[in-house]
Amino acid sequence: MTDETENDTEQLRELITPARIVLWDFDGPICRLFAGHTAERVATDLVEWLEGQGLHGLLTEEERESLDPHVVLRAVDRRHPGSDLVAELEERLTNEELLATSSAMPTAYADPLIRTWSAVGSRLAIATNNSPRVVRTYLDSRGLLSCFSPHIYGRTQDLHHLKPDPHCLNRALNTMGAAPSSALMIGDTPSDLLAANSAGVPFLGYARNARKEKVLREAGAASVVRSLLPLLPLVRAQA
């Protein structure tokens, strides 16, 4: 084992060992939700639906071309917070996410890592910008729901609480009676990192490729893994 690998392992051990609560982002660390039902197509459909309602001017050109459904949803909410329009758009996104669960691709080693972490006595929660209905549907299909339930904290009608706002992390910590320092957040985007920092929770980045790792590193993530495999022996050692 090289010195660099030993240092990486020790850094991971220092993150994992004190964590009694593990907060997981959903789309990324647990699965690729839109592996077969692309987020780009969903975003385009939402934009086209808005335009069909005569609301073409509601979005900027940049927002229309973002190909990110959450960008579209947030943009409409900023202009019409709490409106029926936002509620309809959010329900449409939830339905698209539910469709996507059938073709979602599990993240390599996520399932055994979740089961192992649960088995050694750590408590797990989901803190995500996706719909909690979608998360439950996917986890149930993988036999993982009992590892998290009832601690699934996802998108609500209060869209200003989406990450990078730490609201879903704070809900998890408060409900579980946990101090931020006793938790660990696993996420794959800068918004996950910012939410964790705001909540005072240590952060471990997951990046499935070099581009995503670069984005996380540039956002300030000190610890990033390209695979969840190295976490398994460290978690097993806690048994």
C-alpha atoms as a PDB file:
ATOM      1  CA  MET A   1       0.000   0.000   0.000  1.00  0.00           C
ATOM      2  CA  THR A   2       1.466   3.394  -0.986  1.00  0.00           C
ATOM      3  CA  ASP A   3       1.761   6.292   1.453  1.00  0.00           C
ATOM      4  CA  GLU A   4      -0.907   8.153  -0.543  1.00  0.00           C
ATOM      5  CA  THR A   5      -3.316   5.215  -0.304  1.00  0.00           C
ATOM      6  CA  GLU A   6      -2.583   4.843   3.417  1.00  0.00           C
ATOM      7  CA  ASN A   7      -3.292   8.549   3.913  1.00  0.00           C
ATOM      8  CA  ASP A   8      -6.573   8.261   1.989  1.00  0.00           C
ATOM      9  CA  THR A   9      -7.633   5.263   4.088  1.00  0.00           C
ATOM     10  CA  GLU A  10      -6.762   7.050   7.328  1.00  0.00           C
ATOM     11  CA  GLN A  11      -8.691  10.132   6.224  1.00  0.00           C
ATOM     12  CA  LEU A  12     -11.736   7.964   5.503  1.00  0.00           C
ATOM     13  CA  ARG A  13     -11.375   6.178   8.849  1.00  0.00           C
ATOM     14  CA  GLU A  14     -11.322   9.525  10.674  1.00  0.00           C
ATOM     15  CA  LEU A  15     -14.589  10.495   8.946  1.00  0.00           C
ATOM     16  CA  ILE A  16     -16.357   7.164   9.380  1.00  0.00           C
ATOM     17  CA  THR A  17     -15.376   6.050  12.884  1.00  0.00           C
ATOM     18  CA  PRO A  18     -17.117   8.833  14.863  1.00  0.00           C
ATOM     19  CA  ALA A  19     -20.239   8.830  12.635  1.00  0.00           C
ATOM     20  CA  ARG A  20     -23.258   7.440  14.462  1.00  0.00           C
ATOM     21  CA  ILE A  21     -25.671   9.012  11.977  1.00  0.00           C
ATOM     22  CA  VAL A  22     -25.096   8.763   8.217  1.00  0.00           C
ATOM     23  CA  LEU A  23     -27.041  11.192   6.027  1.00  0.00           C
ATOM     24  CA  TRP A  24     -27.195  10.116   2.403  1.00  0.00           C
ATOM     25  CA  ASP A  25     -28.039  12.152  -0.625  1.00  0.00           C
ATOM     26  CA  PHE A  26     -30.152   9.937  -2.873  1.00  0.00           C
ATOM     27  CA  ASP A  27     -29.520  10.545  -6.578  1.00  0.00           C
ATOM     28  CA  GLY A  28     -25.805   9.873  -6.984  1.00  0.00           C
ATOM     29  CA  PRO A  29     -24.484   8.084  -3.899  1.00  0.00           C
ATOM     30  CA  ILE A  30     -27.327   5.526  -3.797  1.00  0.00           C
ATOM     31  CA  CYS A  31     -28.337   5.320  -7.452  1.00  0.00           C
ATOM     32  CA  ARG A  32     -28.342   7.117 -10.771  1.00  0.00           C
ATOM     33  CA  LEU A  33     -32.042   7.946 -10.757  1.00  0.00           C
ATOM     34  CA  PHE A  34     -32.110   9.203 -14.328  1.00  0.00           C
ATOM     35  CA  ALA A  35     -29.887   6.526 -15.854  1.00  0.00           C
ATOM     36  CA  GLY A  36     -32.603   5.441 -18.283  1.00  0.00           C
ATOM     37  CA  HIS A  37     -35.126   8.272 -18.028  1.00  0.00           C
ATOM     38  CA  THR A  38     -32.903  11.295 -18.460  1.00  0.00           C
ATOM     39  CA  ALA A  39     -33.087  14.436 -16.337  1.00  0.00           C
ATOM     40  CA  GLU A  40     -32.470  16.458 -19.495  1.00  0.00           C
ATOM     41  CA  ARG A  41     -35.649  15.048 -21.073  1.00  0.00           C
ATOM     42  CA  VAL A  42     -37.598  15.736 -17.877  1.00  0.00           C
ATOM     43  CA  ALA A  43     -36.389  19.347 -17.752  1.00  0.00           C
ATOM     44  CA  THR A  44     -37.309  19.838 -21.416  1.00  0.00           C
ATOM     45  CA  ASP A  45     -40.789  18.407 -20.795  1.00  0.00           C
ATOM     46  CA  LEU A  46     -41.327  20.786 -17.862  1.00  0.00           C
ATOM     47  CA  VAL A  47     -40.249  23.766 -19.963  1.00  0.00           C
ATOM     48  CA  GLU A  48     -42.527  22.697 -22.808  1.00  0.00           C
ATOM     49  CA  TRP A  49     -45.443  22.282 -20.378  1.00  0.00           C
ATOM     50  CA  LEU A  50     -44.896  25.818 -19.067  1.00  0.00           C
ATOM     51  CA  GLU A  51     -44.790  27.147 -22.608  1.00  0.00           C
ATOM     52  CA  GLY A  52     -48.017  25.272 -23.348  1.00  0.00           C
ATOM     53  CA  GLN A  53     -49.580  27.243 -20.487  1.00  0.00           C
ATOM     54  CA  GLY A  54     -48.539  30.471 -22.201  1.00  0.00           C
ATOM     55  CA  LEU A  55     -45.686  31.013 -19.722  1.00  0.00           C
ATOM     56  CA  HIS A  56     -42.720  31.093 -22.079  1.00  0.00           C
ATOM     57  CA  GLY A  57     -41.514  34.378 -20.587  1.00  0.00           C
ATOM     58  CA  LEU A  58     -41.461  33.001 -17.051  1.00  0.00           C
ATOM     59  CA  LEU A  59     -37.996  31.477 -17.511  1.00  0.00           C
ATOM     60  CA  THR A  60     -34.787  33.089 -18.659  1.00  0.00           C
ATOM     61  CA  GLU A  61     -33.003  31.603 -21.663  1.00  0.00           C
ATOM     62  CA  GLU A  62     -30.358  30.188 -19.328  1.00  0.00           C
ATOM     63  CA  GLU A  63     -33.006  28.516 -17.160  1.00  0.00           C
ATOM     64  CA  ARG A  64     -34.782  27.055 -20.206  1.00  0.00           C
ATOM     65  CA  GLU A  65     -31.512  25.597 -21.476  1.00  0.00           C
ATOM     66  CA  SER A  66     -30.222  24.345 -18.111  1.00  0.00           C
ATOM     67  CA  LEU A  67     -31.515  20.769 -18.717  1.00  0.00           C
ATOM     68  CA  ASP A  68     -31.918  20.482 -14.941  1.00  0.00           C
ATOM     69  CA  PRO A  69     -35.492  19.983 -13.696  1.00  0.00           C
ATOM     70  CA  HIS A  70     -34.648  21.424 -10.280  1.00  0.00           C
ATOM     71  CA  VAL A  71     -33.400  24.644 -11.903  1.00  0.00           C
ATOM     72  CA  VAL A  72     -36.754  24.965 -13.686  1.00  0.00           C
ATOM     73  CA  LEU A  73     -38.708  24.225 -10.511  1.00  0.00           C
ATOM     74  CA  ARG A  74     -36.741  26.685  -8.387  1.00  0.00           C
ATOM     75  CA  ALA A  75     -37.045  29.412 -11.007  1.00  0.00           C
ATOM     76  CA  VAL A  76     -40.845  29.166 -11.100  1.00  0.00           C
ATOM     77  CA  ASP A  77     -41.015  29.046  -7.293  1.00  0.00           C
ATOM     78  CA  ARG A  78     -38.932  32.226  -6.987  1.00  0.00           C
ATOM     79  CA  ARG A  79     -41.445  34.077  -9.178  1.00  0.00           C
ATOM     80  CA  HIS A  80     -44.637  32.461  -7.883  1.00  0.00           C
ATOM     81  CA  PRO A  81     -43.864  31.041  -4.426  1.00  0.00           C
ATOM     82  CA  GLY A  82     -46.541  28.803  -2.947  1.00  0.00           C
ATOM     83  CA  SER A  83     -48.722  29.021  -6.060  1.00  0.00           C
ATOM     84  CA  ASP A  84     -50.890  26.334  -7.669  1.00  0.00           C
ATOM     85  CA  LEU A  85     -48.530  26.567 -10.645  1.00  0.00           C
ATOM     86  CA  VAL A  86     -45.570  25.544  -8.488  1.00  0.00           C
ATOM     87  CA  ALA A  87     -47.582  22.726  -6.905  1.00  0.00           C
ATOM     88  CA  GLU A  88     -48.541  21.402 -10.353  1.00  0.00           C
ATOM     89  CA  LEU A  89     -44.974  21.636 -11.619  1.00  0.00           C
ATOM     90  CA  GLU A  90     -43.621  19.863  -8.524  1.00  0.00           C
ATOM     91  CA  GLU A  91     -46.179  17.065  -8.921  1.00  0.00           C
ATOM     92  CA  ARG A  92     -45.179  16.669 -12.570  1.00  0.00           C
ATOM     93  CA  LEU A  93     -41.533  16.378 -11.559  1.00  0.00           C
ATOM     94  CA  THR A  94     -42.409  13.833  -8.858  1.00  0.00           C
ATOM     95  CA  ASN A  95     -44.277  11.711 -11.411  1.00  0.00           C
ATOM     96  CA  GLU A  96     -41.281  11.834 -13.750  1.00  0.00           C
ATOM     97  CA  GLU A  97     -38.987  10.792 -10.895  1.00  0.00           C
ATOM     98  CA  LEU A  98     -41.322   7.903 -10.063  1.00  0.00           C
ATOM     99  CA  LEU A  99     -41.134   6.773 -13.687  1.00  0.00           C
ATOM    100  CA  ALA A 100     -37.356   6.956 -13.484  1.00  0.00           C
ATOM    101  CA  THR A 101     -37.123   4.577 -10.516  1.00  0.00           C
ATOM    102  CA  SER A 102     -37.854   1.582 -12.742  1.00  0.00           C
ATOM    103  CA  SER A 103     -34.700   2.209 -14.784  1.00  0.00           C
ATOM    104  CA  ALA A 104     -32.516   3.713 -12.044  1.00  0.00           C
ATOM    105  CA  MET A 105     -29.025   2.230 -11.827  1.00  0.00           C
ATOM    106  CA  PRO A 106     -27.799   1.291  -8.328  1.00  0.00           C
ATOM    107  CA  THR A 107     -24.496   2.894  -7.410  1.00  0.00           C
ATOM    108  CA  ALA A 108     -21.826   0.212  -7.156  1.00  0.00           C
ATOM    109  CA  TYR A 109     -21.420  -1.097  -3.569  1.00  0.00           C
ATOM    110  CA  ALA A 110     -24.162   1.220  -2.227  1.00  0.00           C
ATOM    111  CA  ASP A 111     -26.552  -1.608  -1.325  1.00  0.00           C
ATOM    112  CA  PRO A 112     -24.058  -3.700   0.707  1.00  0.00           C
ATOM    113  CA  LEU A 113     -22.605  -0.573   2.317  1.00  0.00           C
ATOM    114  CA  ILE A 114     -26.050   0.575   3.442  1.00  0.00           C
ATOM    115  CA  ARG A 115     -26.881  -2.864   4.850  1.00  0.00           C
ATOM    116  CA  THR A 116     -23.507  -3.122   6.598  1.00  0.00           C
ATOM    117  CA  TRP A 117     -23.707   0.349   8.119  1.00  0.00           C
ATOM    118  CA  SER A 118     -27.186  -0.416   9.404  1.00  0.00           C
ATOM    119  CA  ALA A 119     -26.087  -3.812  10.745  1.00  0.00           C
ATOM    120  CA  VAL A 120     -23.235  -2.363  12.833  1.00  0.00           C
ATOM    121  CA  GLY A 121     -25.703  -0.075  14.600  1.00  0.00           C
ATOM    122  CA  SER A 122     -25.365   3.233  12.788  1.00  0.00           C
ATOM    123  CA  ARG A 123     -28.582   5.089  12.045  1.00  0.00           C
ATOM    124  CA  LEU A 124     -29.190   6.104   8.437  1.00  0.00           C
ATOM    125  CA  ALA A 125     -31.258   8.886   6.907  1.00  0.00           C
ATOM    126  CA  ILE A 126     -31.881  10.314   3.448  1.00  0.00           C
ATOM    127  CA  ALA A 127     -31.479  14.062   2.900  1.00  0.00           C
ATOM    128  CA  THR A 128     -32.359  14.811  -0.715  1.00  0.00           C
ATOM    129  CA  ASN A 129     -33.911  17.270  -3.147  1.00  0.00           C
ATOM    130  CA  ASN A 130     -35.878  14.406  -4.704  1.00  0.00           C
ATOM    131  CA  SER A 131     -39.409  13.529  -3.660  1.00  0.00           C
ATOM    132  CA  PRO A 132     -39.581  11.306  -0.561  1.00  0.00           C
ATOM    133  CA  ARG A 133     -42.199   9.201  -2.418  1.00  0.00           C
ATOM    134  CA  VAL A 134     -39.588   8.475  -5.061  1.00  0.00           C
ATOM    135  CA  VAL A 135     -36.931   7.571  -2.497  1.00  0.00           C
ATOM    136  CA  ARG A 136     -39.273   5.147  -0.714  1.00  0.00           C
ATOM    137  CA  THR A 137     -40.270   3.525  -4.000  1.00  0.00           C
ATOM    138  CA  TYR A 138     -36.656   2.931  -5.015  1.00  0.00           C
ATOM    139  CA  LEU A 139     -35.456   1.759  -1.592  1.00  0.00           C
ATOM    140  CA  ASP A 140     -38.398  -0.631  -1.299  1.00  0.00           C
ATOM    141  CA  SER A 141     -37.540  -2.127  -4.687  1.00  0.00           C
ATOM    142  CA  ARG A 142     -34.011  -2.864  -3.421  1.00  0.00           C
ATOM    143  CA  GLY A 143     -35.068  -4.192  -0.015  1.00  0.00           C
ATOM    144  CA  LEU A 144     -33.380  -1.230   1.679  1.00  0.00           C
ATOM    145  CA  LEU A 145     -36.334   0.727   3.036  1.00  0.00           C
ATOM    146  CA  SER A 146     -36.035  -0.713   6.552  1.00  0.00           C
ATOM    147  CA  CYS A 147     -32.448   0.573   6.764  1.00  0.00           C
ATOM    148  CA  PHE A 148     -33.711   4.173   6.586  1.00  0.00           C
ATOM    149  CA  SER A 149     -37.392   4.290   7.493  1.00  0.00           C
ATOM    150  CA  PRO A 150     -38.820   6.557   8.755  1.00  0.00           C
ATOM    151  CA  HIS A 151     -35.891   8.930   8.266  1.00  0.00           C
ATOM    152  CA  ILE A 152     -36.412  10.056   4.674  1.00  0.00           C
ATOM    153  CA  TYR A 153     -36.281  13.823   4.271  1.00  0.00           C
ATOM    154  CA  GLY A 154     -36.901  15.041   0.757  1.00  0.00           C
ATOM    155  CA  ARG A 155     -38.491  17.782  -1.297  1.00  0.00           C
ATOM    156  CA  THR A 156     -41.514  19.528   0.164  1.00  0.00           C
ATOM    157  CA  GLN A 157     -43.779  22.285  -1.176  1.00  0.00           C
ATOM    158  CA  ASP A 158     -41.371  24.766   0.467  1.00  0.00           C
ATOM    159  CA  LEU A 159     -38.915  24.756  -2.398  1.00  0.00           C
ATOM    160  CA  HIS A 160     -36.708  27.437  -0.874  1.00  0.00           C
ATOM    161  CA  HIS A 161     -35.642  24.679   1.550  1.00  0.00           C
ATOM    162  CA  LEU A 162     -33.968  22.626  -1.200  1.00  0.00           C
ATOM    163  CA  LYS A 163     -30.231  22.099  -0.778  1.00  0.00           C
ATOM    164  CA  PRO A 164     -27.900  23.991  -0.539  1.00  0.00           C
ATOM    165  CA  ASP A 165     -30.250  25.097   2.235  1.00  0.00           C
ATOM    166  CA  PRO A 166     -29.514  22.719   5.151  1.00  0.00           C
ATOM    167  CA  HIS A 167     -33.212  22.258   6.013  1.00  0.00           C
ATOM    168  CA  CYS A 168     -33.458  18.529   5.210  1.00  0.00           C
ATOM    169  CA  LEU A 169     -30.225  17.787   7.095  1.00  0.00           C
ATOM    170  CA  ASN A 170     -31.417  19.748  10.113  1.00  0.00           C
ATOM    171  CA  ARG A 171     -34.771  17.944  10.034  1.00  0.00           C
ATOM    172  CA  ALA A 172     -32.955  14.610  10.085  1.00  0.00           C
ATOM    173  CA  LEU A 173     -30.643  15.617  12.937  1.00  0.00           C
ATOM    174  CA  ASN A 174     -33.433  17.127  15.030  1.00  0.00           C
ATOM    175  CA  THR A 175     -35.768  14.157  14.583  1.00  0.00           C
ATOM    176  CA  MET A 176     -33.005  11.672  15.368  1.00  0.00           C
ATOM    177  CA  GLY A 177     -31.764  13.700  18.328  1.00  0.00           C
ATOM    178  CA  ALA A 178     -28.254  13.843  16.920  1.00  0.00           C
ATOM    179  CA  ALA A 179     -25.496  16.416  17.176  1.00  0.00           C
ATOM    180  CA  PRO A 180     -24.037  17.497  13.811  1.00  0.00           C
ATOM    181  CA  SER A 181     -20.582  16.318  14.889  1.00  0.00           C
ATOM    182  CA  SER A 182     -21.900  12.757  15.344  1.00  0.00           C
ATOM    183  CA  ALA A 183     -23.107  12.620  11.740  1.00  0.00           C
ATOM    184  CA  LEU A 184     -21.620  12.210   8.273  1.00  0.00           C
ATOM    185  CA  MET A 185     -23.127  13.457   5.013  1.00  0.00           C
ATOM    186  CA  ILE A 186     -22.433  11.558   1.785  1.00  0.00           C
ATOM    187  CA  GLY A 187     -23.224  13.617  -1.304  1.00  0.00           C
ATOM    188  CA  ASP A 188     -22.152  14.131  -4.884  1.00  0.00           C
ATOM    189  CA  THR A 189     -22.743  17.832  -5.601  1.00  0.00           C
ATOM    190  CA  PRO A 190     -21.506  21.190  -4.306  1.00  0.00           C
ATOM    191  CA  SER A 191     -25.024  21.864  -2.995  1.00  0.00           C
ATOM    192  CA  ASP A 192     -24.674  18.777  -0.756  1.00  0.00           C
ATOM    193  CA  LEU A 193     -21.346  20.086   0.500  1.00  0.00           C
ATOM    194  CA  LEU A 194     -22.746  23.562   1.176  1.00  0.00           C
ATOM    195  CA  ALA A 195     -25.741  22.115   3.029  1.00  0.00           C
ATOM    196  CA  ALA A 196     -23.461  19.925   5.157  1.00  0.00           C
ATOM    197  CA  ASN A 197     -21.181  22.861   5.941  1.00  0.00           C
ATOM    198  CA  SER A 198     -24.172  25.009   6.935  1.00  0.00           C
ATOM    199  CA  ALA A 199     -25.477  22.246   9.202  1.00  0.00           C
ATOM    200  CA  GLY A 200     -22.036  21.646  10.722  1.00  0.00           C
ATOM    201  CA  VAL A 201     -21.940  18.045   9.468  1.00  0.00           C
ATOM    202  CA  PRO A 202     -18.700  16.412   8.220  1.00  0.00           C
ATOM    203  CA  PHE A 203     -18.868  15.660   4.485  1.00  0.00           C
ATOM    204  CA  LEU A 204     -17.689  12.835   2.249  1.00  0.00           C
ATOM    205  CA  GLY A 205     -17.988  13.405  -1.470  1.00  0.00           C
ATOM    206  CA  TYR A 206     -18.861  10.648  -3.911  1.00  0.00           C
ATOM    207  CA  ALA A 207     -17.868  11.208  -7.536  1.00  0.00           C
ATOM    208  CA  ARG A 208     -18.511   8.605 -10.218  1.00  0.00           C
ATOM    209  CA  ASN A 209     -16.031  10.201 -12.634  1.00  0.00           C
ATOM    210  CA  ALA A 210     -13.096  12.615 -12.771  1.00  0.00           C
ATOM    211  CA  ARG A 211     -15.262  15.555 -13.873  1.00  0.00           C
ATOM    212  CA  LYS A 212     -17.549  15.244 -10.859  1.00  0.00           C
ATOM    213  CA  GLU A 213     -14.581  14.842  -8.535  1.00  0.00           C
ATOM    214  CA  LYS A 214     -13.026  18.027  -9.933  1.00  0.00           C
ATOM    215  CA  VAL A 215     -16.274  19.945  -9.328  1.00  0.00           C
ATOM    216  CA  LEU A 216     -16.458  18.730  -5.721  1.00  0.00           C
ATOM    217  CA  ARG A 217     -12.787  19.452  -5.044  1.00  0.00           C
ATOM    218  CA  GLU A 218     -13.102  22.964  -6.490  1.00  0.00           C
ATOM    219  CA  ALA A 219     -16.137  23.554  -4.263  1.00  0.00           C
ATOM    220  CA  GLY A 220     -13.957  22.756  -1.245  1.00  0.00           C
ATOM    221  CA  ALA A 221     -14.572  19.066  -0.533  1.00  0.00           C
ATOM    222  CA  ALA A 222     -11.552  17.703   1.338  1.00  0.00           C
ATOM    223  CA  SER A 223     -12.555  14.032   1.092  1.00  0.00           C
ATOM    224  CA  VAL A 224     -13.869  12.539  -2.159  1.00  0.00           C
ATOM    225  CA  VAL A 225     -14.085   8.885  -3.212  1.00  0.00           C
ATOM    226  CA  ARG A 226     -14.614   7.562  -6.720  1.00  0.00           C
ATOM    227  CA  SER A 227     -15.987   4.266  -5.352  1.00  0.00           C
ATOM    228  CA  LEU A 228     -17.847   3.284  -2.207  1.00  0.00           C
ATOM    229  CA  LEU A 229     -15.854   0.030  -1.988  1.00  0.00           C
ATOM    230  CA  PRO A 230     -13.086   1.374   0.317  1.00  0.00           C
ATOM    231  CA  LEU A 231     -15.736   2.283   2.904  1.00  0.00           C
ATOM    232  CA  LEU A 232     -16.935  -1.309   3.349  1.00  0.00           C
ATOM    233  CA  PRO A 233     -13.986  -2.718   5.358  1.00  0.00           C
ATOM    234  CA  LEU A 234     -13.869   0.417   7.511  1.00  0.00           C
ATOM    235  CA  VAL A 235     -17.552   0.075   8.379  1.00  0.00           C
ATOM    236  CA  ARG A 236     -17.255  -3.692   8.936  1.00  0.00           C
ATOM    237  CA  ALA A 237     -14.444  -3.008  11.409  1.00  0.00           C
ATOM    238  CA  GLN A 238     -16.968  -1.246  13.645  1.00  0.00           C
ATOM    239  CA  ALA A 239     -18.903  -4.477  14.241  1.00  0.00           C
END
